[in-house]
Protein backbone atom coordinates (compact mmCIF):
# COMPACT_ATOMS: atom_id res chain seq x y z
CA UNK A 1 0.00 0.00 0.00
CA UNK A 2 1.01 3.56 -0.62
CA UNK A 3 0.43 6.58 1.54
CA UNK A 4 -2.54 8.69 0.48
CA UNK A 5 -2.63 12.42 1.15
CA UNK A 6 -5.81 14.40 1.80
CA UNK A 7 -6.46 18.12 2.09
CA UNK A 8 -6.36 19.71 5.52
CA UNK A 9 -10.08 20.50 5.49
CA UNK A 10 -11.11 16.83 5.17
CA UNK A 11 -8.34 15.24 7.22
CA UNK A 12 -10.09 15.47 10.63
CA UNK A 13 -13.47 14.12 9.44
CA UNK A 14 -14.28 10.87 11.19
CA UNK A 15 -11.35 10.79 13.58
CA UNK A 16 -12.13 9.11 16.87
CA UNK A 17 -10.06 7.96 19.82
CA UNK A 18 -10.20 4.34 20.93
CA UNK A 19 -8.57 2.55 23.81
CA UNK A 20 -6.69 -0.42 22.41
CA UNK A 21 -4.97 -2.49 25.09
CA UNK A 22 -4.62 0.56 27.33
CA UNK A 23 -3.30 2.85 24.60
CA UNK A 24 -5.40 5.69 23.21
CA UNK A 25 -5.23 5.58 19.42
CA UNK A 26 -6.65 8.07 16.91
CA UNK A 27 -8.31 6.26 14.03
CA UNK A 28 -10.98 6.92 11.43
CA UNK A 29 -14.48 5.59 12.03
CA UNK A 30 -15.96 2.90 9.77
CA UNK A 31 -17.98 5.45 7.82
CA UNK A 32 -14.89 7.48 6.90
CA UNK A 33 -13.01 4.32 5.96
CA UNK A 34 -15.84 3.43 3.58
CA UNK A 35 -15.48 6.82 1.91
CA UNK A 36 -11.72 6.29 1.58
CA UNK A 37 -12.33 2.84 0.11
CA UNK A 38 -14.68 4.23 -2.52
CA UNK A 39 -12.37 7.16 -3.31
CA UNK A 40 -9.36 4.92 -3.80
CA UNK A 41 -10.84 1.74 -5.23
CA UNK A 42 -8.72 1.94 -8.39
CA UNK A 43 -5.54 1.98 -6.32
CA UNK A 44 -6.04 -1.48 -4.81
CA UNK A 45 -6.39 -5.02 -6.09
CA UNK A 46 -9.92 -5.70 -7.30
CA UNK A 47 -10.37 -8.87 -5.21
CA UNK A 48 -9.40 -7.02 -2.01
CA UNK A 49 -11.77 -4.18 -2.85
CA UNK A 50 -14.69 -6.58 -3.42
CA UNK A 51 -13.93 -8.43 -0.17
CA UNK A 52 -14.09 -5.20 1.80
CA UNK A 53 -17.30 -4.10 0.02
CA UNK A 54 -18.95 -7.41 0.99
CA UNK A 55 -17.95 -6.77 4.61
CA UNK A 56 -19.53 -3.31 4.47
CA UNK A 57 -22.74 -4.74 2.99
CA UNK A 58 -22.94 -7.13 5.95
CA UNK A 59 -22.57 -4.32 8.49
CA UNK A 60 -24.69 -1.67 6.73
CA UNK A 61 -27.34 -1.70 9.49
CA UNK A 62 -24.66 -0.77 12.05
CA UNK A 63 -23.32 2.23 10.15
CA UNK A 64 -24.34 5.83 10.68
CA UNK A 65 -25.69 6.66 7.21
CA UNK A 66 -25.92 10.36 8.02
CA UNK A 67 -22.17 10.41 8.66
CA UNK A 68 -21.49 8.79 5.30
CA UNK A 69 -23.67 11.39 3.59
CA UNK A 70 -22.01 14.22 5.51
CA UNK A 71 -18.51 13.01 4.65
CA UNK A 72 -19.37 12.40 1.01
CA UNK A 73 -20.63 15.97 0.54
CA UNK A 74 -17.29 17.44 1.66
CA UNK A 75 -14.97 15.44 -0.59
CA UNK A 76 -14.02 16.28 -4.14
CA UNK A 77 -15.79 14.00 -6.63
CA UNK A 78 -18.69 13.63 -4.20
CA UNK A 79 -21.05 12.57 -6.99
CA UNK A 80 -18.75 9.70 -7.95
CA UNK A 81 -18.51 8.60 -4.32
CA UNK A 82 -22.29 8.78 -3.83
CA UNK A 83 -22.89 6.79 -7.02
CA UNK A 84 -20.43 4.07 -5.98
CA UNK A 85 -22.00 3.97 -2.52
CA UNK A 86 -25.49 3.48 -3.96
CA UNK A 87 -24.43 0.91 -6.54
CA UNK A 88 -21.96 -1.15 -4.54
CA UNK A 89 -22.85 -0.95 -0.86
CA UNK A 90 -26.51 -0.05 -0.34
């Protein structure tokens, strides 16, 4: 995998702190990770992408849809992200 850069205005979206084995770690929530997956799907192997999409389909009832919509609206190419979300996850 390669490092992916994002603009400063979208970087903090979806960051949360979790306690993992007594260590506080800053990570993105599942909704933000879905957005990143859709934005960068052409940069990863197709079989890995499809495997992750299937996982998201299985957990769709546990996701905060409003967060996904909020995040999507802020990113460049938001229409492409929304279309991929509707076609591949929902």
